Amino acid sequence: MYPRAFDYVAPDSLEEAFAALGDDSKVMAGGMSLIPLMKMRLFSPALVVDIGRIGGLDTIEDGGDHIEIGALVRHAETATSDLVKTHAPALAAAASLTGDVQVRNRGTTCGSIAHVDVAADQPAAAIACGAVMIARSASGTREIAAPDFFVDSLTSALRPDEVLTSIRIPKTGAGEGSAYDKLGRRGGHSDYAVAGAAAWVKKSNGSIEAARVAVTGVGTKPQLLEGVGEALVGTDGSDEAVKTAAGRALEGVTVLEDLYGSEEYKSHLAQVYVARAVRQALASI
């Protein structure tokens, strides 16, 4: 199927992009998410604003107490970056499991995050790693915490006049670790997640001091599991403690049955992969 007719602009600066954006426009970076949905006519914007020519958005930078991933950084770059592997291992792992080789070398991390697919890998990892989304427009800059950014299926907190120009992730400190794991739709790690989970934990003096756990593929959006984090804090991170915490994986989650699993199956997988991600994060410390 072909998309409906649309206008296309490729600005050379963010200022030009801001001027072009409106209520019936979409930003395109790599196009790996937007173009297929336009072909299926699930999205039919009147205008596509291609930011691929704008300089300065394709870098991963050391910001002192954080790392910053620009809007045009490809999945493959996120997956192999030493900065990301050191300070956001869960995100590096999620990027390495995003799509196939062609998609990873064309699609962008920020594009995947802004798209908010219910089964994408990197949004859950961004939540677990404590990412902050940097949204810019002609009127200024907004910082949006990851849990607040993912509103619903294919719906982010971005306004129509805003561009997600980067994401910032706090650097990993002593006693901290993160991980991501999933079951893909074809039975392994490839393709979208039937269920996946990302976890970040911080241990001090033999016990878990803080934890963030997020799930994807199960509900209506990538989602922070506050109950799991609460259950982990104060424990020693033993298998029994992790199992008990994973039992709270469905709190606040609207489980969606689809072609890849029943509600019961996905509920089970959510708990399994939450436990796996937490154990992997603890093992990485």
C-alpha atoms as a PDB file:
ATOM      1  CA  MET A   1       0.000   0.000   0.000  1.00  0.00           C
ATOM      2  CA  TYR A   2       1.139   3.538  -0.698  1.00  0.00           C
ATOM      3  CA  PRO A   3       0.785   6.460   1.706  1.00  0.00           C
ATOM      4  CA  ARG A   4      -1.626   9.281   1.022  1.00  0.00           C
ATOM      5  CA  ALA A   5      -0.159  12.354  -0.648  1.00  0.00           C
ATOM      6  CA  PHE A   6       1.930  14.532   1.670  1.00  0.00           C
ATOM      7  CA  ASP A   7       4.349  17.440   1.536  1.00  0.00           C
ATOM      8  CA  TYR A   8       7.996  16.988   2.464  1.00  0.00           C
ATOM      9  CA  VAL A   9      10.654  19.376   3.737  1.00  0.00           C
ATOM     10  CA  ALA A  10      14.246  18.727   4.804  1.00  0.00           C
ATOM     11  CA  PRO A  11      15.383  21.751   6.844  1.00  0.00           C
ATOM     12  CA  ASP A  12      19.043  22.530   7.410  1.00  0.00           C
ATOM     13  CA  SER A  13      18.546  23.808  10.961  1.00  0.00           C
ATOM     14  CA  LEU A  14      16.343  23.247  13.969  1.00  0.00           C
ATOM     15  CA  GLU A  15      14.976  26.758  13.569  1.00  0.00           C
ATOM     16  CA  GLU A  16      13.740  25.871  10.069  1.00  0.00           C
ATOM     17  CA  ALA A  17      12.247  22.651  11.416  1.00  0.00           C
ATOM     18  CA  PHE A  18      10.412  24.511  14.182  1.00  0.00           C
ATOM     19  CA  ALA A  19       8.977  26.941  11.626  1.00  0.00           C
ATOM     20  CA  ALA A  20       7.666  24.066   9.488  1.00  0.00           C
ATOM     21  CA  LEU A  21       6.041  22.045  12.259  1.00  0.00           C
ATOM     22  CA  GLY A  22       2.321  22.279  12.885  1.00  0.00           C
ATOM     23  CA  ASP A  23      -0.709  20.325  14.020  1.00  0.00           C
ATOM     24  CA  ASP A  24      -0.688  18.046  10.957  1.00  0.00           C
ATOM     25  CA  SER A  25       3.006  17.304  10.600  1.00  0.00           C
ATOM     26  CA  LYS A  26       5.394  14.551  11.660  1.00  0.00           C
ATOM     27  CA  VAL A  27       9.116  14.632  12.331  1.00  0.00           C
ATOM     28  CA  MET A  28      11.196  11.991  10.562  1.00  0.00           C
ATOM     29  CA  ALA A  29      14.734  10.989  11.537  1.00  0.00           C
ATOM     30  CA  GLY A  30      15.502   7.500  10.203  1.00  0.00           C
ATOM     31  CA  GLY A  31      11.971   6.768   8.996  1.00  0.00           C
ATOM     32  CA  MET A  32      11.981   3.142  10.157  1.00  0.00           C
ATOM     33  CA  SER A  33       8.834   3.650  12.247  1.00  0.00           C
ATOM     34  CA  LEU A  34       7.039   6.479  10.468  1.00  0.00           C
ATOM     35  CA  ILE A  35       7.195   5.305   6.849  1.00  0.00           C
ATOM     36  CA  PRO A  36       5.679   1.816   7.417  1.00  0.00           C
ATOM     37  CA  LEU A  37       2.761   3.344   9.334  1.00  0.00           C
ATOM     38  CA  MET A  38       2.227   5.903   6.580  1.00  0.00           C
ATOM     39  CA  LYS A  39       2.173   3.111   4.008  1.00  0.00           C
ATOM     40  CA  MET A  40      -0.483   1.330   6.064  1.00  0.00           C
ATOM     41  CA  ARG A  41      -2.271   4.712   6.385  1.00  0.00           C
ATOM     42  CA  LEU A  42      -2.315   4.498  10.159  1.00  0.00           C
ATOM     43  CA  PHE A  43      -0.540   7.871  10.063  1.00  0.00           C
ATOM     44  CA  SER A  44      -1.371  10.337   7.283  1.00  0.00           C
ATOM     45  CA  PRO A  45       0.371  13.631   8.081  1.00  0.00           C
ATOM     46  CA  ALA A  46      -0.001  16.480   5.640  1.00  0.00           C
ATOM     47  CA  LEU A  47       3.694  17.302   6.074  1.00  0.00           C
ATOM     48  CA  VAL A  48       6.809  15.249   6.865  1.00  0.00           C
ATOM     49  CA  VAL A  49       9.689  17.234   8.357  1.00  0.00           C
ATOM     50  CA  ASP A  50      12.911  15.299   7.737  1.00  0.00           C
ATOM     51  CA  ILE A  51      15.554  16.371  10.285  1.00  0.00           C
ATOM     52  CA  GLY A  52      18.224  14.090   8.803  1.00  0.00           C
ATOM     53  CA  ARG A  53      20.244  16.959   7.326  1.00  0.00           C
ATOM     54  CA  ILE A  54      20.496  18.987  10.508  1.00  0.00           C
ATOM     55  CA  GLY A  55      24.033  19.045  11.870  1.00  0.00           C
ATOM     56  CA  GLY A  56      25.011  18.370  15.461  1.00  0.00           C
ATOM     57  CA  LEU A  57      22.304  15.810  16.262  1.00  0.00           C
ATOM     58  CA  ASP A  58      24.276  12.650  15.472  1.00  0.00           C
ATOM     59  CA  THR A  59      26.604  12.452  18.459  1.00  0.00           C
ATOM     60  CA  ILE A  60      26.808  10.689  21.817  1.00  0.00           C
ATOM     61  CA  GLU A  61      28.433  13.076  24.245  1.00  0.00           C
ATOM     62  CA  ASP A  62      29.894  12.959  27.745  1.00  0.00           C
ATOM     63  CA  GLY A  63      28.066  15.632  29.737  1.00  0.00           C
ATOM     64  CA  GLY A  64      30.029  15.225  32.969  1.00  0.00           C
ATOM     65  CA  ASP A  65      27.385  13.681  35.197  1.00  0.00           C
ATOM     66  CA  HIS A  66      25.380  12.305  32.266  1.00  0.00           C
ATOM     67  CA  ILE A  67      25.628  11.098  28.690  1.00  0.00           C
ATOM     68  CA  GLU A  68      23.564  12.634  25.895  1.00  0.00           C
ATOM     69  CA  ILE A  69      22.331  10.782  22.809  1.00  0.00           C
ATOM     70  CA  GLY A  70      21.383  13.014  19.885  1.00  0.00           C
ATOM     71  CA  ALA A  71      18.280  12.692  17.725  1.00  0.00           C
ATOM     72  CA  LEU A  72      20.147  11.250  14.733  1.00  0.00           C
ATOM     73  CA  VAL A  73      22.219   8.629  16.562  1.00  0.00           C
ATOM     74  CA  ARG A  74      21.513   5.244  14.963  1.00  0.00           C
ATOM     75  CA  HIS A  75      20.524   2.148  16.920  1.00  0.00           C
ATOM     76  CA  ALA A  76      23.824   0.522  15.934  1.00  0.00           C
ATOM     77  CA  GLU A  77      25.792   3.451  17.340  1.00  0.00           C
ATOM     78  CA  THR A  78      23.888   3.320  20.638  1.00  0.00           C
ATOM     79  CA  ALA A  79      24.502  -0.431  20.833  1.00  0.00           C
ATOM     80  CA  THR A  80      28.257  -0.191  20.309  1.00  0.00           C
ATOM     81  CA  SER A  81      29.100   3.108  22.051  1.00  0.00           C
ATOM     82  CA  ASP A  82      31.525   2.652  24.946  1.00  0.00           C
ATOM     83  CA  LEU A  83      29.801   5.521  26.781  1.00  0.00           C
ATOM     84  CA  VAL A  84      26.402   3.856  26.508  1.00  0.00           C
ATOM     85  CA  LYS A  85      27.694   0.371  27.339  1.00  0.00           C
ATOM     86  CA  THR A  86      29.408   1.772  30.430  1.00  0.00           C
ATOM     87  CA  HIS A  87      26.687   4.080  31.741  1.00  0.00           C
ATOM     88  CA  ALA A  88      23.457   2.613  30.302  1.00  0.00           C
ATOM     89  CA  PRO A  89      24.059  -1.098  29.625  1.00  0.00           C
ATOM     90  CA  ALA A  90      20.318  -1.763  29.447  1.00  0.00           C
ATOM     91  CA  LEU A  91      19.933   0.763  26.627  1.00  0.00           C
ATOM     92  CA  ALA A  92      22.939  -0.604  24.732  1.00  0.00           C
ATOM     93  CA  ALA A  93      21.470  -4.102  24.988  1.00  0.00           C
ATOM     94  CA  ALA A  94      18.024  -2.916  23.877  1.00  0.00           C
ATOM     95  CA  ALA A  95      19.517  -1.083  20.889  1.00  0.00           C
ATOM     96  CA  SER A  96      21.444  -4.206  19.876  1.00  0.00           C
ATOM     97  CA  LEU A  97      18.154  -6.150  19.832  1.00  0.00           C
ATOM     98  CA  THR A  98      16.189  -3.562  17.851  1.00  0.00           C
ATOM     99  CA  GLY A  99      15.093  -4.822  14.433  1.00  0.00           C
ATOM    100  CA  ASP A 100      17.551  -6.315  11.947  1.00  0.00           C
ATOM    101  CA  VAL A 101      20.925  -5.058  10.720  1.00  0.00           C
ATOM    102  CA  GLN A 102      19.375  -2.753   8.139  1.00  0.00           C
ATOM    103  CA  VAL A 103      17.012  -1.188  10.681  1.00  0.00           C
ATOM    104  CA  ARG A 104      19.769  -0.772  13.271  1.00  0.00           C
ATOM    105  CA  ASN A 105      21.939   1.064  10.751  1.00  0.00           C
ATOM    106  CA  ARG A 106      19.162   3.407   9.608  1.00  0.00           C
ATOM    107  CA  GLY A 107      16.750   3.876  12.508  1.00  0.00           C
ATOM    108  CA  THR A 108      17.506   6.139  15.457  1.00  0.00           C
ATOM    109  CA  THR A 109      17.259   5.688  19.205  1.00  0.00           C
ATOM    110  CA  CYS A 110      15.376   8.958  19.685  1.00  0.00           C
ATOM    111  CA  GLY A 111      13.066   8.067  16.814  1.00  0.00           C
ATOM    112  CA  SER A 112      12.159   4.763  18.445  1.00  0.00           C
ATOM    113  CA  ILE A 113      11.536   6.514  21.747  1.00  0.00           C
ATOM    114  CA  ALA A 114       9.401   9.265  20.207  1.00  0.00           C
ATOM    115  CA  HIS A 115       7.363   6.686  18.260  1.00  0.00           C
ATOM    116  CA  VAL A 116       6.187   4.901  21.466  1.00  0.00           C
ATOM    117  CA  ASP A 117       5.475   1.498  19.959  1.00  0.00           C
ATOM    118  CA  VAL A 118       3.937  -0.769  22.594  1.00  0.00           C
ATOM    119  CA  ALA A 119       6.551  -3.462  21.901  1.00  0.00           C
ATOM    120  CA  ALA A 120       9.721  -1.447  21.198  1.00  0.00           C
ATOM    121  CA  ASP A 121      12.879  -2.267  23.148  1.00  0.00           C
ATOM    122  CA  GLN A 122      14.609   1.025  23.879  1.00  0.00           C
ATOM    123  CA  PRO A 123      11.785   2.944  25.602  1.00  0.00           C
ATOM    124  CA  ALA A 124      11.713   0.470  28.507  1.00  0.00           C
ATOM    125  CA  ALA A 125      15.482   0.699  28.841  1.00  0.00           C
ATOM    126  CA  ALA A 126      15.319   4.490  28.800  1.00  0.00           C
ATOM    127  CA  ILE A 127      12.850   4.396  31.690  1.00  0.00           C
ATOM    128  CA  ALA A 128      14.960   2.005  33.723  1.00  0.00           C
ATOM    129  CA  CYS A 129      18.135   4.022  33.127  1.00  0.00           C
ATOM    130  CA  GLY A 130      16.487   7.230  34.362  1.00  0.00           C
ATOM    131  CA  ALA A 131      16.539   9.032  31.007  1.00  0.00           C
ATOM    132  CA  VAL A 132      15.303  12.580  30.570  1.00  0.00           C
ATOM    133  CA  MET A 133      13.937  13.581  27.166  1.00  0.00           C
ATOM    134  CA  ILE A 134      15.013  16.947  25.759  1.00  0.00           C
ATOM    135  CA  ALA A 135      12.215  18.496  23.692  1.00  0.00           C
ATOM    136  CA  ARG A 136      12.897  21.729  21.826  1.00  0.00           C
ATOM    137  CA  SER A 137      10.661  24.146  19.966  1.00  0.00           C
ATOM    138  CA  ALA A 138      10.644  27.767  18.885  1.00  0.00           C
ATOM    139  CA  SER A 139       9.402  28.671  22.361  1.00  0.00           C
ATOM    140  CA  GLY A 140      12.190  26.948  24.294  1.00  0.00           C
ATOM    141  CA  THR A 141      13.355  23.655  25.783  1.00  0.00           C
ATOM    142  CA  ARG A 142      11.519  21.174  27.995  1.00  0.00           C
ATOM    143  CA  GLU A 143      12.950  18.299  30.016  1.00  0.00           C
ATOM    144  CA  ILE A 144      10.550  15.355  30.338  1.00  0.00           C
ATOM    145  CA  ALA A 145      11.237  12.417  32.645  1.00  0.00           C
ATOM    146  CA  ALA A 146      10.996   9.097  30.806  1.00  0.00           C
ATOM    147  CA  PRO A 147       7.988   7.700  32.741  1.00  0.00           C
ATOM    148  CA  ASP A 148       6.025  10.862  31.888  1.00  0.00           C
ATOM    149  CA  PHE A 149       7.081  10.857  28.237  1.00  0.00           C
ATOM    150  CA  PHE A 150       5.272   7.652  27.238  1.00  0.00           C
ATOM    151  CA  VAL A 151       1.590   8.564  27.383  1.00  0.00           C
ATOM    152  CA  ASP A 152      -0.116   5.761  25.450  1.00  0.00           C
ATOM    153  CA  SER A 153       0.304   3.573  22.376  1.00  0.00           C
ATOM    154  CA  LEU A 154       2.012   5.677  19.659  1.00  0.00           C
ATOM    155  CA  THR A 155       1.500   8.752  21.858  1.00  0.00           C
ATOM    156  CA  SER A 156       4.258  10.718  23.572  1.00  0.00           C
ATOM    157  CA  ALA A 157       4.252  13.885  25.644  1.00  0.00           C
ATOM    158  CA  LEU A 158       5.769  15.840  22.739  1.00  0.00           C
ATOM    159  CA  ARG A 159       3.734  18.798  21.505  1.00  0.00           C
ATOM    160  CA  PRO A 160       3.124  19.121  17.732  1.00  0.00           C
ATOM    161  CA  ASP A 161       5.671  21.973  17.556  1.00  0.00           C
ATOM    162  CA  GLU A 162       8.442  20.095  19.394  1.00  0.00           C
ATOM    163  CA  VAL A 163      11.370  17.944  18.309  1.00  0.00           C
ATOM    164  CA  LEU A 164      12.977  15.341  20.555  1.00  0.00           C
ATOM    165  CA  THR A 165      16.546  16.548  20.067  1.00  0.00           C
ATOM    166  CA  SER A 166      18.278  14.229  22.549  1.00  0.00           C
ATOM    167  CA  ILE A 167      17.969  12.044  25.610  1.00  0.00           C
ATOM    168  CA  ARG A 168      20.102  12.435  28.731  1.00  0.00           C
ATOM    169  CA  ILE A 169      21.002   9.533  30.982  1.00  0.00           C
ATOM    170  CA  PRO A 170      22.755   9.861  34.359  1.00  0.00           C
ATOM    171  CA  LYS A 171      26.110   8.145  34.522  1.00  0.00           C
ATOM    172  CA  THR A 172      26.393   4.833  36.317  1.00  0.00           C
ATOM    173  CA  GLY A 173      27.868   5.147  39.798  1.00  0.00           C
ATOM    174  CA  ALA A 174      29.358   2.693  42.278  1.00  0.00           C
ATOM    175  CA  GLY A 175      27.134  -0.266  43.050  1.00  0.00           C
ATOM    176  CA  GLU A 176      24.831   0.358  40.081  1.00  0.00           C
ATOM    177  CA  GLY A 177      23.935  -1.900  37.185  1.00  0.00           C
ATOM    178  CA  SER A 178      21.286  -2.252  34.493  1.00  0.00           C
ATOM    179  CA  ALA A 179      20.072  -4.858  32.008  1.00  0.00           C
ATOM    180  CA  TYR A 180      17.429  -5.584  29.374  1.00  0.00           C
ATOM    181  CA  ASP A 181      15.969  -8.910  28.239  1.00  0.00           C
ATOM    182  CA  LYS A 182      13.012  -9.958  26.089  1.00  0.00           C
ATOM    183  CA  LEU A 183      11.212 -12.646  24.128  1.00  0.00           C
ATOM    184  CA  GLY A 184      10.886 -11.613  20.484  1.00  0.00           C
ATOM    185  CA  ARG A 185       7.888 -12.364  18.323  1.00  0.00           C
ATOM    186  CA  ARG A 186       9.804 -15.006  16.367  1.00  0.00           C
ATOM    187  CA  GLY A 187      10.779 -16.882  19.487  1.00  0.00           C
ATOM    188  CA  GLY A 188      14.203 -15.375  20.150  1.00  0.00           C
ATOM    189  CA  HIS A 189      15.666 -11.922  20.585  1.00  0.00           C
ATOM    190  CA  SER A 190      14.840 -10.616  17.120  1.00  0.00           C
ATOM    191  CA  ASP A 191      11.782  -8.566  16.179  1.00  0.00           C
ATOM    192  CA  TYR A 192       9.458  -6.678  18.512  1.00  0.00           C
ATOM    193  CA  ALA A 193       9.009  -7.898  22.067  1.00  0.00           C
ATOM    194  CA  VAL A 194       6.171 -10.196  23.039  1.00  0.00           C
ATOM    195  CA  ALA A 195       7.350  -9.213  26.493  1.00  0.00           C
ATOM    196  CA  GLY A 196      10.505  -7.495  27.635  1.00  0.00           C
ATOM    197  CA  ALA A 197      11.848  -5.824  30.748  1.00  0.00           C
ATOM    198  CA  ALA A 198      14.619  -3.445  31.725  1.00  0.00           C
ATOM    199  CA  ALA A 199      16.010  -2.998  35.203  1.00  0.00           C
ATOM    200  CA  TRP A 200      18.386  -0.651  36.989  1.00  0.00           C
ATOM    201  CA  VAL A 201      19.478  -1.365  40.551  1.00  0.00           C
ATOM    202  CA  LYS A 202      21.773   0.227  43.098  1.00  0.00           C
ATOM    203  CA  LYS A 203      23.265  -1.791  45.936  1.00  0.00           C
ATOM    204  CA  SER A 204      24.915  -0.492  49.079  1.00  0.00           C
ATOM    205  CA  ASN A 205      26.172  -2.438  52.082  1.00  0.00           C
ATOM    206  CA  GLY A 206      24.728  -5.675  50.729  1.00  0.00           C
ATOM    207  CA  SER A 207      21.187  -4.462  50.113  1.00  0.00           C
ATOM    208  CA  ILE A 208      19.299  -2.797  47.267  1.00  0.00           C
ATOM    209  CA  GLU A 209      19.126   0.936  47.910  1.00  0.00           C
ATOM    210  CA  ALA A 210      17.162   1.922  44.779  1.00  0.00           C
ATOM    211  CA  ALA A 211      15.619   0.241  41.750  1.00  0.00           C
ATOM    212  CA  ARG A 212      13.779   1.100  38.548  1.00  0.00           C
ATOM    213  CA  VAL A 213      12.097  -1.577  36.446  1.00  0.00           C
ATOM    214  CA  ALA A 214      10.109  -1.110  33.233  1.00  0.00           C
ATOM    215  CA  VAL A 215       8.189  -3.428  30.932  1.00  0.00           C
ATOM    216  CA  THR A 216       7.406  -3.418  27.199  1.00  0.00           C
ATOM    217  CA  GLY A 217       5.304  -5.521  24.843  1.00  0.00           C
ATOM    218  CA  VAL A 218       2.733  -6.339  27.501  1.00  0.00           C
ATOM    219  CA  GLY A 219       0.536  -3.288  27.982  1.00  0.00           C
ATOM    220  CA  THR A 220      -0.557  -0.149  26.176  1.00  0.00           C
ATOM    221  CA  LYS A 221       2.850   1.549  26.499  1.00  0.00           C
ATOM    222  CA  PRO A 222       6.375   1.105  27.882  1.00  0.00           C
ATOM    223  CA  GLN A 223       5.803   1.487  31.603  1.00  0.00           C
ATOM    224  CA  LEU A 224       7.621   2.002  34.895  1.00  0.00           C
ATOM    225  CA  LEU A 225       6.733  -0.725  37.410  1.00  0.00           C
ATOM    226  CA  GLU A 226       6.771   1.185  40.660  1.00  0.00           C
ATOM    227  CA  GLY A 227       5.599  -1.785  42.712  1.00  0.00           C
ATOM    228  CA  VAL A 228       8.510  -3.938  41.602  1.00  0.00           C
ATOM    229  CA  GLY A 229      11.006  -1.227  42.508  1.00  0.00           C
ATOM    230  CA  GLU A 230       9.409  -0.732  45.905  1.00  0.00           C
ATOM    231  CA  ALA A 231       9.509  -4.464  46.598  1.00  0.00           C
ATOM    232  CA  LEU A 232      13.204  -4.692  45.738  1.00  0.00           C
ATOM    233  CA  VAL A 233      14.397  -1.807  47.908  1.00  0.00           C
ATOM    234  CA  GLY A 234      15.731  -2.979  51.247  1.00  0.00           C
ATOM    235  CA  THR A 235      16.202  -6.588  50.170  1.00  0.00           C
ATOM    236  CA  ASP A 236      19.469  -8.425  49.627  1.00  0.00           C
ATOM    237  CA  GLY A 237      18.628  -9.138  45.982  1.00  0.00           C
ATOM    238  CA  SER A 238      18.338 -12.867  46.547  1.00  0.00           C
ATOM    239  CA  ASP A 239      16.473 -15.062  44.070  1.00  0.00           C
ATOM    240  CA  GLU A 240      13.549 -15.240  46.465  1.00  0.00           C
ATOM    241  CA  ALA A 241      13.450 -11.460  46.872  1.00  0.00           C
ATOM    242  CA  VAL A 242      13.571 -10.963  43.104  1.00  0.00           C
ATOM    243  CA  LYS A 243      10.829 -13.535  42.558  1.00  0.00           C
ATOM    244  CA  THR A 244       8.610 -11.835  45.124  1.00  0.00           C
ATOM    245  CA  ALA A 245       9.200  -8.416  43.557  1.00  0.00           C
ATOM    246  CA  ALA A 246       8.504  -9.764  40.051  1.00  0.00           C
ATOM    247  CA  GLY A 247       5.134 -10.931  41.328  1.00  0.00           C
ATOM    248  CA  ARG A 248       4.124  -7.248  41.341  1.00  0.00           C
ATOM    249  CA  ALA A 249       4.986  -6.791  37.657  1.00  0.00           C
ATOM    250  CA  LEU A 250       1.374  -6.374  36.568  1.00  0.00           C
ATOM    251  CA  GLU A 251       0.396  -3.672  39.044  1.00  0.00           C
ATOM    252  CA  GLY A 252      -1.040  -0.756  37.101  1.00  0.00           C
ATOM    253  CA  VAL A 253      -0.479  -2.474  33.737  1.00  0.00           C
ATOM    254  CA  THR A 254      -3.359  -3.009  31.304  1.00  0.00           C
ATOM    255  CA  VAL A 255      -2.313  -6.288  29.679  1.00  0.00           C
ATOM    256  CA  LEU A 256      -3.190  -6.488  25.986  1.00  0.00           C
ATOM    257  CA  GLU A 257      -3.968  -9.786  24.286  1.00  0.00           C
ATOM    258  CA  ASP A 258      -2.803  -9.905  20.660  1.00  0.00           C
ATOM    259  CA  LEU A 259      -1.695 -12.314  17.925  1.00  0.00           C
ATOM    260  CA  TYR A 260       1.483 -13.076  19.873  1.00  0.00           C
ATOM    261  CA  GLY A 261       0.007 -14.045  23.215  1.00  0.00           C
ATOM    262  CA  SER A 262      -3.051 -14.282  25.403  1.00  0.00           C
ATOM    263  CA  GLU A 263      -3.503 -12.051  28.428  1.00  0.00           C
ATOM    264  CA  GLU A 264      -2.551 -14.973  30.680  1.00  0.00           C
ATOM    265  CA  TYR A 265       0.589 -15.778  28.648  1.00  0.00           C
ATOM    266  CA  LYS A 266       1.777 -12.180  28.534  1.00  0.00           C
ATOM    267  CA  SER A 267       1.127 -11.751  32.250  1.00  0.00           C
ATOM    268  CA  HIS A 268       3.328 -14.776  32.909  1.00  0.00           C
ATOM    269  CA  LEU A 269       6.064 -13.522  30.567  1.00  0.00           C
ATOM    270  CA  ALA A 270       6.074 -10.100  32.204  1.00  0.00           C
ATOM    271  CA  GLN A 271       6.964 -11.638  35.555  1.00  0.00           C
ATOM    272  CA  VAL A 272       9.557 -13.964  34.010  1.00  0.00           C
ATOM    273  CA  TYR A 273      11.379 -11.204  32.138  1.00  0.00           C
ATOM    274  CA  VAL A 274      11.194  -8.720  34.995  1.00  0.00           C
ATOM    275  CA  ALA A 275      12.932 -11.292  37.186  1.00  0.00           C
ATOM    276  CA  ARG A 276      15.529 -12.000  34.483  1.00  0.00           C
ATOM    277  CA  ALA A 277      16.315  -8.335  33.931  1.00  0.00           C
ATOM    278  CA  VAL A 278      16.681  -7.659  37.661  1.00  0.00           C
ATOM    279  CA  ARG A 279      18.969 -10.656  38.151  1.00  0.00           C
ATOM    280  CA  GLN A 280      21.121  -9.619  35.185  1.00  0.00           C
ATOM    281  CA  ALA A 281      21.352  -6.062  36.504  1.00  0.00           C
ATOM    282  CA  LEU A 282      22.414  -7.317  39.922  1.00  0.00           C
ATOM    283  CA  ALA A 283      24.968  -9.671  38.359  1.00  0.00           C
ATOM    284  CA  SER A 284      26.533  -6.764  36.448  1.00  0.00           C
ATOM    285  CA  ILE A 285      27.419  -4.806  39.586  1.00  0.00           C
END
